[in-house]
Amino acid sequence: MPRKKASQESDAQADDRVLISGRVRASVRRRLKVYAANHDVNVQDVMDKALDEYLTRQGA
């Protein structure tokens, strides 16, 4: 298996997914699942994008 360059390794590590836990209202979960299904994306990607955009707007 070829080795990755150091810059590629750090980029890959920065994008690794980790498990987080939290609760949302049932209605939000339902809307999330419907949105993901209607747009042919997975729930995980929608949540990642939503959190990233929120945190960016908050300056975090």
N, C-alpha and C. Protein backbone atom coordinates (compact mmCIF):
# COMPACT_ATOMS: atom_id res chain seq x y z
N MET A 1 0.85 -1.18 0.00
CA MET A 1 0.00 0.00 0.00
C MET A 1 0.90 1.24 0.00
N PRO A 2 0.69 2.18 -0.93
CA PRO A 2 1.54 3.36 -0.98
C PRO A 2 1.29 4.28 0.21
N ARG A 3 2.36 4.91 0.67
CA ARG A 3 2.25 5.84 1.79
C ARG A 3 1.70 7.17 1.31
N LYS A 4 0.91 7.81 2.14
CA LYS A 4 0.42 9.15 1.86
C LYS A 4 1.48 10.17 2.26
N LYS A 5 1.47 11.29 1.58
CA LYS A 5 2.35 12.39 1.99
C LYS A 5 1.83 12.95 3.30
N ALA A 6 2.70 13.63 4.04
CA ALA A 6 2.32 14.19 5.34
C ALA A 6 1.13 15.12 5.20
N SER A 7 1.10 15.94 4.15
CA SER A 7 -0.02 16.88 3.98
C SER A 7 -1.32 16.13 3.71
N GLN A 8 -1.24 15.03 2.98
CA GLN A 8 -2.44 14.24 2.72
C GLN A 8 -2.93 13.57 3.99
N GLU A 9 -2.00 13.12 4.84
CA GLU A 9 -2.39 12.48 6.09
C GLU A 9 -3.10 13.46 7.00
N SER A 10 -2.58 14.68 7.12
CA SER A 10 -3.22 15.65 8.00
C SER A 10 -4.59 16.05 7.47
N ASP A 11 -4.73 16.17 6.14
CA ASP A 11 -6.03 16.48 5.55
C ASP A 11 -7.02 15.35 5.82
N ALA A 12 -6.57 14.12 5.68
CA ALA A 12 -7.45 12.97 5.91
C ALA A 12 -7.87 12.91 7.37
N GLN A 13 -6.93 13.15 8.28
CA GLN A 13 -7.26 13.12 9.70
C GLN A 13 -8.25 14.22 10.06
N ALA A 14 -8.12 15.37 9.46
CA ALA A 14 -9.02 16.48 9.74
C ALA A 14 -10.44 16.14 9.29
N ASP A 15 -10.58 15.29 8.29
CA ASP A 15 -11.89 14.95 7.75
C ASP A 15 -12.44 13.64 8.29
N ASP A 16 -11.69 12.96 9.14
CA ASP A 16 -12.20 11.72 9.73
C ASP A 16 -13.49 12.01 10.49
N ARG A 17 -14.42 11.11 10.40
CA ARG A 17 -15.68 11.29 11.13
C ARG A 17 -15.56 10.65 12.50
N VAL A 18 -16.16 11.30 13.47
CA VAL A 18 -16.20 10.79 14.84
C VAL A 18 -17.64 10.78 15.30
N LEU A 19 -17.92 9.93 16.25
CA LEU A 19 -19.27 9.82 16.79
C LEU A 19 -19.49 10.89 17.85
N ILE A 20 -20.59 11.63 17.70
CA ILE A 20 -21.02 12.56 18.75
C ILE A 20 -22.43 12.15 19.14
N SER A 21 -22.85 12.62 20.29
CA SER A 21 -24.16 12.21 20.77
C SER A 21 -24.93 13.43 21.25
N GLY A 22 -26.19 13.44 20.97
CA GLY A 22 -27.06 14.50 21.43
C GLY A 22 -28.49 14.16 21.07
N ARG A 23 -29.39 14.85 21.69
CA ARG A 23 -30.81 14.59 21.44
C ARG A 23 -31.43 15.76 20.69
N VAL A 24 -32.33 15.43 19.78
CA VAL A 24 -33.11 16.44 19.07
C VAL A 24 -34.58 16.07 19.23
N ARG A 25 -35.43 17.05 19.00
CA ARG A 25 -36.86 16.78 19.07
C ARG A 25 -37.24 15.77 17.98
N ALA A 26 -38.25 14.97 18.26
CA ALA A 26 -38.70 13.96 17.30
C ALA A 26 -39.12 14.61 15.98
N SER A 27 -39.73 15.78 16.06
CA SER A 27 -40.17 16.46 14.83
C SER A 27 -38.98 16.89 13.97
N VAL A 28 -37.87 17.29 14.61
CA VAL A 28 -36.67 17.68 13.87
C VAL A 28 -36.07 16.45 13.20
N ARG A 29 -36.02 15.35 13.92
CA ARG A 29 -35.50 14.10 13.35
C ARG A 29 -36.32 13.68 12.14
N ARG A 30 -37.62 13.76 12.27
CA ARG A 30 -38.51 13.37 11.17
C ARG A 30 -38.26 14.26 9.95
N ARG A 31 -38.17 15.58 10.16
CA ARG A 31 -37.90 16.51 9.05
C ARG A 31 -36.54 16.24 8.42
N LEU A 32 -35.56 15.94 9.25
CA LEU A 32 -34.22 15.64 8.76
C LEU A 32 -34.23 14.41 7.86
N LYS A 33 -34.89 13.35 8.31
CA LYS A 33 -34.93 12.12 7.53
C LYS A 33 -35.68 12.31 6.22
N VAL A 34 -36.78 13.07 6.26
CA VAL A 34 -37.54 13.33 5.04
C VAL A 34 -36.71 14.16 4.06
N TYR A 35 -36.05 15.20 4.58
CA TYR A 35 -35.20 16.04 3.72
C TYR A 35 -34.11 15.20 3.07
N ALA A 36 -33.42 14.40 3.86
CA ALA A 36 -32.33 13.58 3.33
C ALA A 36 -32.84 12.62 2.26
N ALA A 37 -33.96 11.98 2.50
CA ALA A 37 -34.52 11.05 1.52
C ALA A 37 -34.94 11.77 0.24
N ASN A 38 -35.58 12.92 0.38
CA ASN A 38 -36.04 13.67 -0.79
C ASN A 38 -34.90 14.23 -1.63
N HIS A 39 -33.76 14.47 -1.00
CA HIS A 39 -32.62 15.05 -1.71
C HIS A 39 -31.51 14.03 -1.99
N ASP A 40 -31.81 12.77 -1.73
CA ASP A 40 -30.88 11.67 -2.00
C ASP A 40 -29.51 11.89 -1.37
N VAL A 41 -29.52 12.31 -0.11
CA VAL A 41 -28.28 12.48 0.67
C VAL A 41 -28.48 11.72 1.97
N ASN A 42 -27.39 11.48 2.68
CA ASN A 42 -27.57 10.79 3.95
C ASN A 42 -27.68 11.79 5.10
N VAL A 43 -28.31 11.35 6.16
CA VAL A 43 -28.56 12.19 7.32
C VAL A 43 -27.26 12.73 7.89
N GLN A 44 -26.25 11.90 7.92
CA GLN A 44 -24.95 12.29 8.46
C GLN A 44 -24.39 13.50 7.73
N ASP A 45 -24.48 13.51 6.40
CA ASP A 45 -23.96 14.64 5.63
C ASP A 45 -24.75 15.91 5.88
N VAL A 46 -26.07 15.79 6.01
CA VAL A 46 -26.90 16.96 6.29
C VAL A 46 -26.54 17.54 7.66
N MET A 47 -26.40 16.67 8.65
CA MET A 47 -26.05 17.14 9.99
C MET A 47 -24.67 17.79 10.01
N ASP A 48 -23.70 17.20 9.32
CA ASP A 48 -22.35 17.74 9.27
C ASP A 48 -22.35 19.13 8.66
N LYS A 49 -23.05 19.28 7.54
CA LYS A 49 -23.10 20.58 6.86
C LYS A 49 -23.83 21.61 7.73
N ALA A 50 -24.94 21.21 8.33
CA ALA A 50 -25.71 22.14 9.16
C ALA A 50 -24.89 22.62 10.35
N LEU A 51 -24.23 21.71 11.03
CA LEU A 51 -23.41 22.10 12.18
C LEU A 51 -22.24 22.97 11.76
N ASP A 52 -21.60 22.62 10.65
CA ASP A 52 -20.48 23.41 10.16
C ASP A 52 -20.91 24.83 9.82
N GLU A 53 -22.03 24.97 9.11
CA GLU A 53 -22.54 26.30 8.75
C GLU A 53 -22.93 27.09 10.00
N TYR A 54 -23.57 26.46 10.95
CA TYR A 54 -23.96 27.13 12.19
C TYR A 54 -22.73 27.63 12.94
N LEU A 55 -21.76 26.76 13.11
CA LEU A 55 -20.55 27.14 13.85
C LEU A 55 -19.77 28.23 13.13
N THR A 56 -19.75 28.20 11.82
CA THR A 56 -19.08 29.26 11.06
C THR A 56 -19.77 30.59 11.29
N ARG A 57 -21.10 30.60 11.25
CA ARG A 57 -21.85 31.85 11.50
C ARG A 57 -21.63 32.38 12.90
N GLN A 58 -21.39 31.47 13.84
CA GLN A 58 -21.15 31.87 15.23
C GLN A 58 -19.70 32.28 15.48
N GLY A 59 -18.87 32.14 14.46
CA GLY A 59 -17.46 32.51 14.61
C GLY A 59 -16.64 31.46 15.32
N ALA A 60 -17.14 30.25 15.35
CA ALA A 60 -16.42 29.17 16.05
C ALA A 60 -15.56 28.37 15.09
